[in-house]
Amino acid sequence: MRPTRLVTPDDVPTLAALLTMNRTFLAPWEPLRDDDHFTVAGQRRLVEEQLADHAAGRCLPHVIVDEAGDVVGRITLTSIVRGAFQSCSVGYWVGAASNGRGLATAAVADITRVAFHDLGLHRIQGDTLLHNAASQRVLERNGFERIGLAPRYLCIAGEWQDFALYQVLAD
């Protein structure tokens, strides 16, 4: 069984429950979210938007599944740009109960294969907070190399924070 698959509308209740259970766990790594984000309605809107972007070739929204096939997180290729760039960004999370089991590493490996082999992309960028060593290890285990530092790159947990920038190339 592959560690990722395309998200479907049927995943929405599970995603809303996972996000609600992991709200505190994920908060240090996420933008501030309003309460609606954690509801079935909020997740339905997000999944519908991402599936529309997927149909337009701008996004590849997947869920991360464990050995039993249960949804334990999300991984998404965003900002897919064609033409001379052939690049995208990757973002992912795994719930606390599944953290540390290698599921994020397997998911990044799977989505990297899809990006390069199925989508024909040349480059994937991954960004992590400077203190997120676990996520940096996930990227490095998948061949991503640190390419720089972006000061005050994203507003995470209510503060503009510095990020380490990583990339992996198809070749």
C-alpha atoms as a PDB file:
ATOM      1  CA  MET A   1       0.000   0.000   0.000  1.00  0.00           C
ATOM      2  CA  ARG A   2       1.270   3.457  -0.899  1.00  0.00           C
ATOM      3  CA  PRO A   3       1.747   5.868   2.017  1.00  0.00           C
ATOM      4  CA  THR A   4      -0.216   8.636   0.262  1.00  0.00           C
ATOM      5  CA  ARG A   5      -3.250   8.974  -1.962  1.00  0.00           C
ATOM      6  CA  LEU A   6      -5.350  11.780  -3.401  1.00  0.00           C
ATOM      7  CA  VAL A   7      -7.646  13.337  -0.823  1.00  0.00           C
ATOM      8  CA  THR A   8     -11.361  12.781  -1.415  1.00  0.00           C
ATOM      9  CA  PRO A   9     -14.490  14.431  -0.006  1.00  0.00           C
ATOM     10  CA  ASP A  10     -15.007  11.221   1.998  1.00  0.00           C
ATOM     11  CA  ASP A  11     -11.827  12.076   3.965  1.00  0.00           C
ATOM     12  CA  VAL A  12     -13.278  15.346   5.281  1.00  0.00           C
ATOM     13  CA  PRO A  13     -14.798  14.067   8.568  1.00  0.00           C
ATOM     14  CA  THR A  14     -11.597  12.182   9.408  1.00  0.00           C
ATOM     15  CA  LEU A  15      -9.437  15.218   8.623  1.00  0.00           C
ATOM     16  CA  ALA A  16     -11.623  17.494  10.755  1.00  0.00           C
ATOM     17  CA  ALA A  17     -11.411  15.026  13.661  1.00  0.00           C
ATOM     18  CA  LEU A  18      -7.620  14.648  13.276  1.00  0.00           C
ATOM     19  CA  LEU A  19      -7.104  18.401  13.195  1.00  0.00           C
ATOM     20  CA  THR A  20      -9.324  18.894  16.235  1.00  0.00           C
ATOM     21  CA  MET A  21      -7.453  16.184  18.191  1.00  0.00           C
ATOM     22  CA  ASN A  22      -4.085  17.629  17.141  1.00  0.00           C
ATOM     23  CA  ARG A  23      -4.880  21.332  17.377  1.00  0.00           C
ATOM     24  CA  THR A  24      -2.430  21.965  20.222  1.00  0.00           C
ATOM     25  CA  PHE A  25       0.194  19.580  18.809  1.00  0.00           C
ATOM     26  CA  LEU A  26       0.215  21.285  15.394  1.00  0.00           C
ATOM     27  CA  ALA A  27      -0.198  24.888  16.629  1.00  0.00           C
ATOM     28  CA  PRO A  28       3.563  25.697  16.903  1.00  0.00           C
ATOM     29  CA  TRP A  29       4.057  24.723  13.232  1.00  0.00           C
ATOM     30  CA  GLU A  30       0.956  26.275  11.657  1.00  0.00           C
ATOM     31  CA  PRO A  31      -0.495  29.707  10.927  1.00  0.00           C
ATOM     32  CA  LEU A  32      -3.136  30.854  13.391  1.00  0.00           C
ATOM     33  CA  ARG A  33      -6.387  29.143  12.421  1.00  0.00           C
ATOM     34  CA  ASP A  34      -9.942  30.197  13.159  1.00  0.00           C
ATOM     35  CA  ASP A  35     -12.293  27.679  14.724  1.00  0.00           C
ATOM     36  CA  ASP A  36     -13.958  26.987  11.355  1.00  0.00           C
ATOM     37  CA  HIS A  37     -10.740  25.390  10.059  1.00  0.00           C
ATOM     38  CA  PHE A  38     -11.248  22.481  12.469  1.00  0.00           C
ATOM     39  CA  THR A  39     -14.842  21.769  11.450  1.00  0.00           C
ATOM     40  CA  VAL A  40     -16.210  19.414   8.820  1.00  0.00           C
ATOM     41  CA  ALA A  41     -17.562  22.434   6.909  1.00  0.00           C
ATOM     42  CA  GLY A  42     -14.185  24.184   7.013  1.00  0.00           C
ATOM     43  CA  GLN A  43     -12.306  21.110   5.871  1.00  0.00           C
ATOM     44  CA  ARG A  44     -14.887  20.456   3.151  1.00  0.00           C
ATOM     45  CA  ARG A  45     -14.276  23.955   1.742  1.00  0.00           C
ATOM     46  CA  LEU A  46     -10.502  23.431   1.871  1.00  0.00           C
ATOM     47  CA  VAL A  47     -10.646  20.011   0.202  1.00  0.00           C
ATOM     48  CA  GLU A  48     -13.012  21.315  -2.497  1.00  0.00           C
ATOM     49  CA  GLU A  49     -10.669  24.260  -3.197  1.00  0.00           C
ATOM     50  CA  GLN A  50      -7.647  21.983  -3.347  1.00  0.00           C
ATOM     51  CA  LEU A  51      -9.365  19.484  -5.627  1.00  0.00           C
ATOM     52  CA  ALA A  52     -10.351  22.351  -7.949  1.00  0.00           C
ATOM     53  CA  ASP A  53      -6.716  23.521  -7.937  1.00  0.00           C
ATOM     54  CA  HIS A  54      -5.684  19.914  -8.607  1.00  0.00           C
ATOM     55  CA  ALA A  55      -7.992  19.751 -11.635  1.00  0.00           C
ATOM     56  CA  ALA A  56      -6.334  22.969 -12.884  1.00  0.00           C
ATOM     57  CA  GLY A  57      -2.844  21.478 -12.370  1.00  0.00           C
ATOM     58  CA  ARG A  58      -1.807  23.860  -9.574  1.00  0.00           C
ATOM     59  CA  CYS A  59      -1.906  21.507  -6.584  1.00  0.00           C
ATOM     60  CA  LEU A  60      -1.662  17.832  -5.625  1.00  0.00           C
ATOM     61  CA  PRO A  61      -3.511  17.299  -2.314  1.00  0.00           C
ATOM     62  CA  HIS A  62      -2.868  13.908  -0.731  1.00  0.00           C
ATOM     63  CA  VAL A  63      -3.603  12.301   2.612  1.00  0.00           C
ATOM     64  CA  ILE A  64      -0.985  10.291   4.470  1.00  0.00           C
ATOM     65  CA  VAL A  65      -2.142   6.787   5.393  1.00  0.00           C
ATOM     66  CA  ASP A  66      -0.669   4.272   7.812  1.00  0.00           C
ATOM     67  CA  GLU A  67      -0.124   0.555   7.309  1.00  0.00           C
ATOM     68  CA  ALA A  68      -3.815  -0.153   8.004  1.00  0.00           C
ATOM     69  CA  GLY A  69      -4.915   2.446   5.444  1.00  0.00           C
ATOM     70  CA  ASP A  70      -6.107   4.931   8.077  1.00  0.00           C
ATOM     71  CA  VAL A  71      -5.658   8.641   7.351  1.00  0.00           C
ATOM     72  CA  VAL A  72      -3.048  10.055   9.762  1.00  0.00           C
ATOM     73  CA  GLY A  73      -2.075  13.352   8.098  1.00  0.00           C
ATOM     74  CA  ARG A  74      -1.795  15.408   4.935  1.00  0.00           C
ATOM     75  CA  ILE A  75       0.866  16.086   2.322  1.00  0.00           C
ATOM     76  CA  THR A  76       0.332  18.548  -0.496  1.00  0.00           C
ATOM     77  CA  LEU A  77       2.277  19.812  -3.462  1.00  0.00           C
ATOM     78  CA  THR A  78       1.336  23.461  -3.929  1.00  0.00           C
ATOM     79  CA  SER A  79       2.353  26.304  -6.211  1.00  0.00           C
ATOM     80  CA  ILE A  80       2.937  23.938  -9.127  1.00  0.00           C
ATOM     81  CA  VAL A  81       4.476  26.074 -11.859  1.00  0.00           C
ATOM     82  CA  ARG A  82       5.108  24.785 -15.364  1.00  0.00           C
ATOM     83  CA  GLY A  83       7.080  26.352 -18.196  1.00  0.00           C
ATOM     84  CA  ALA A  84      10.771  26.910 -17.582  1.00  0.00           C
ATOM     85  CA  PHE A  85      10.374  26.499 -13.787  1.00  0.00           C
ATOM     86  CA  GLN A  86       8.729  23.023 -13.463  1.00  0.00           C
ATOM     87  CA  SER A  87       8.677  23.404  -9.688  1.00  0.00           C
ATOM     88  CA  CYS A  88       6.429  23.135  -6.634  1.00  0.00           C
ATOM     89  CA  SER A  89       6.450  23.325  -2.850  1.00  0.00           C
ATOM     90  CA  VAL A  90       5.659  20.519  -0.426  1.00  0.00           C
ATOM     91  CA  GLY A  91       3.956  20.776   2.943  1.00  0.00           C
ATOM     92  CA  TYR A  92       2.934  17.987   5.310  1.00  0.00           C
ATOM     93  CA  TRP A  93       1.803  17.091   8.804  1.00  0.00           C
ATOM     94  CA  VAL A  94       1.175  13.900  10.749  1.00  0.00           C
ATOM     95  CA  GLY A  95      -0.927  13.646  13.892  1.00  0.00           C
ATOM     96  CA  ALA A  96       0.753  13.198  17.273  1.00  0.00           C
ATOM     97  CA  ALA A  97      -0.302   9.550  17.635  1.00  0.00           C
ATOM     98  CA  SER A  98       1.479   8.699  14.366  1.00  0.00           C
ATOM     99  CA  ASN A  99       4.478  10.968  14.832  1.00  0.00           C
ATOM    100  CA  GLY A 100       7.953   9.396  14.903  1.00  0.00           C
ATOM    101  CA  ARG A 101       6.944   6.251  12.981  1.00  0.00           C
ATOM    102  CA  GLY A 102       8.525   7.191   9.647  1.00  0.00           C
ATOM    103  CA  LEU A 103       5.184   7.976   8.025  1.00  0.00           C
ATOM    104  CA  ALA A 104       6.134  11.535   7.053  1.00  0.00           C
ATOM    105  CA  THR A 105       9.424  10.292   5.601  1.00  0.00           C
ATOM    106  CA  ALA A 106       7.583   7.655   3.555  1.00  0.00           C
ATOM    107  CA  ALA A 107       4.987  10.204   2.444  1.00  0.00           C
ATOM    108  CA  VAL A 108       7.642  12.671   1.258  1.00  0.00           C
ATOM    109  CA  ALA A 109       9.379   9.848  -0.644  1.00  0.00           C
ATOM    110  CA  ASP A 110       6.100   8.892  -2.305  1.00  0.00           C
ATOM    111  CA  ILE A 111       5.054  12.435  -3.241  1.00  0.00           C
ATOM    112  CA  THR A 112       8.580  13.138  -4.548  1.00  0.00           C
ATOM    113  CA  ARG A 113       8.304  10.126  -6.855  1.00  0.00           C
ATOM    114  CA  VAL A 114       4.906  11.340  -8.054  1.00  0.00           C
ATOM    115  CA  ALA A 115       6.207  14.880  -8.618  1.00  0.00           C
ATOM    116  CA  PHE A 116       9.189  13.749 -10.674  1.00  0.00           C
ATOM    117  CA  HIS A 117       7.871  10.665 -12.462  1.00  0.00           C
ATOM    118  CA  ASP A 118       4.149  11.274 -12.866  1.00  0.00           C
ATOM    119  CA  LEU A 119       4.045  15.087 -13.052  1.00  0.00           C
ATOM    120  CA  GLY A 120       7.420  15.563 -14.735  1.00  0.00           C
ATOM    121  CA  LEU A 121       8.516  18.325 -12.380  1.00  0.00           C
ATOM    122  CA  HIS A 122      12.176  19.308 -12.021  1.00  0.00           C
ATOM    123  CA  ARG A 123      12.268  20.730  -8.478  1.00  0.00           C
ATOM    124  CA  ILE A 124      10.489  20.502  -5.125  1.00  0.00           C
ATOM    125  CA  GLN A 125      10.994  23.067  -2.384  1.00  0.00           C
ATOM    126  CA  GLY A 126      10.393  22.307   1.279  1.00  0.00           C
ATOM    127  CA  ASP A 127      10.585  24.870   4.057  1.00  0.00           C
ATOM    128  CA  THR A 128      10.845  24.339   7.818  1.00  0.00           C
ATOM    129  CA  LEU A 129      11.001  26.486  10.893  1.00  0.00           C
ATOM    130  CA  LEU A 130      14.614  26.727  12.031  1.00  0.00           C
ATOM    131  CA  HIS A 131      13.868  24.771  15.206  1.00  0.00           C
ATOM    132  CA  ASN A 132      11.885  21.992  13.466  1.00  0.00           C
ATOM    133  CA  ALA A 133      14.701  19.446  13.385  1.00  0.00           C
ATOM    134  CA  ALA A 134      12.316  16.519  12.886  1.00  0.00           C
ATOM    135  CA  SER A 135      10.926  17.980   9.658  1.00  0.00           C
ATOM    136  CA  GLN A 136      14.429  18.840   8.480  1.00  0.00           C
ATOM    137  CA  ARG A 137      15.415  15.172   8.983  1.00  0.00           C
ATOM    138  CA  VAL A 138      12.369  14.066   6.947  1.00  0.00           C
ATOM    139  CA  LEU A 139      13.468  16.266   4.054  1.00  0.00           C
ATOM    140  CA  GLU A 140      17.146  15.307   4.306  1.00  0.00           C
ATOM    141  CA  ARG A 141      16.293  11.582   4.359  1.00  0.00           C
ATOM    142  CA  ASN A 142      14.564  12.195   1.033  1.00  0.00           C
ATOM    143  CA  GLY A 143      17.529  13.878  -0.626  1.00  0.00           C
ATOM    144  CA  PHE A 144      16.519  17.485   0.008  1.00  0.00           C
ATOM    145  CA  GLU A 145      19.453  19.850   0.502  1.00  0.00           C
ATOM    146  CA  ARG A 146      19.368  23.026   2.533  1.00  0.00           C
ATOM    147  CA  ILE A 147      19.753  25.949   0.150  1.00  0.00           C
ATOM    148  CA  GLY A 148      19.222  28.957   2.341  1.00  0.00           C
ATOM    149  CA  LEU A 149      17.540  30.887   5.072  1.00  0.00           C
ATOM    150  CA  ALA A 150      14.446  33.050   4.628  1.00  0.00           C
ATOM    151  CA  PRO A 151      14.138  35.650   7.399  1.00  0.00           C
ATOM    152  CA  ARG A 152      10.589  36.284   8.647  1.00  0.00           C
ATOM    153  CA  TYR A 153       9.308  34.039   5.840  1.00  0.00           C
ATOM    154  CA  LEU A 154       5.884  32.995   7.165  1.00  0.00           C
ATOM    155  CA  CYS A 155       3.572  34.042   9.980  1.00  0.00           C
ATOM    156  CA  ILE A 156       3.439  30.884  12.094  1.00  0.00           C
ATOM    157  CA  ALA A 157       1.822  30.693  15.534  1.00  0.00           C
ATOM    158  CA  GLY A 158       1.122  34.415  15.222  1.00  0.00           C
ATOM    159  CA  GLU A 159       4.740  35.494  14.631  1.00  0.00           C
ATOM    160  CA  TRP A 160       6.806  36.124  11.503  1.00  0.00           C
ATOM    161  CA  GLN A 161       9.416  33.398  11.703  1.00  0.00           C
ATOM    162  CA  ASP A 162      12.646  32.471   9.953  1.00  0.00           C
ATOM    163  CA  PHE A 163      12.668  29.336   7.798  1.00  0.00           C
ATOM    164  CA  ALA A 164      15.294  26.987   6.442  1.00  0.00           C
ATOM    165  CA  LEU A 165      14.774  26.432   2.709  1.00  0.00           C
ATOM    166  CA  TYR A 166      15.346  23.005   1.159  1.00  0.00           C
ATOM    167  CA  GLN A 167      15.102  21.638  -2.354  1.00  0.00           C
ATOM    168  CA  VAL A 168      15.463  18.411  -4.241  1.00  0.00           C
ATOM    169  CA  LEU A 169      15.982  18.182  -7.990  1.00  0.00           C
ATOM    170  CA  ALA A 170      14.774  15.439 -10.294  1.00  0.00           C
ATOM    171  CA  ASP A 171      18.260  14.870 -11.624  1.00  0.00           C
END
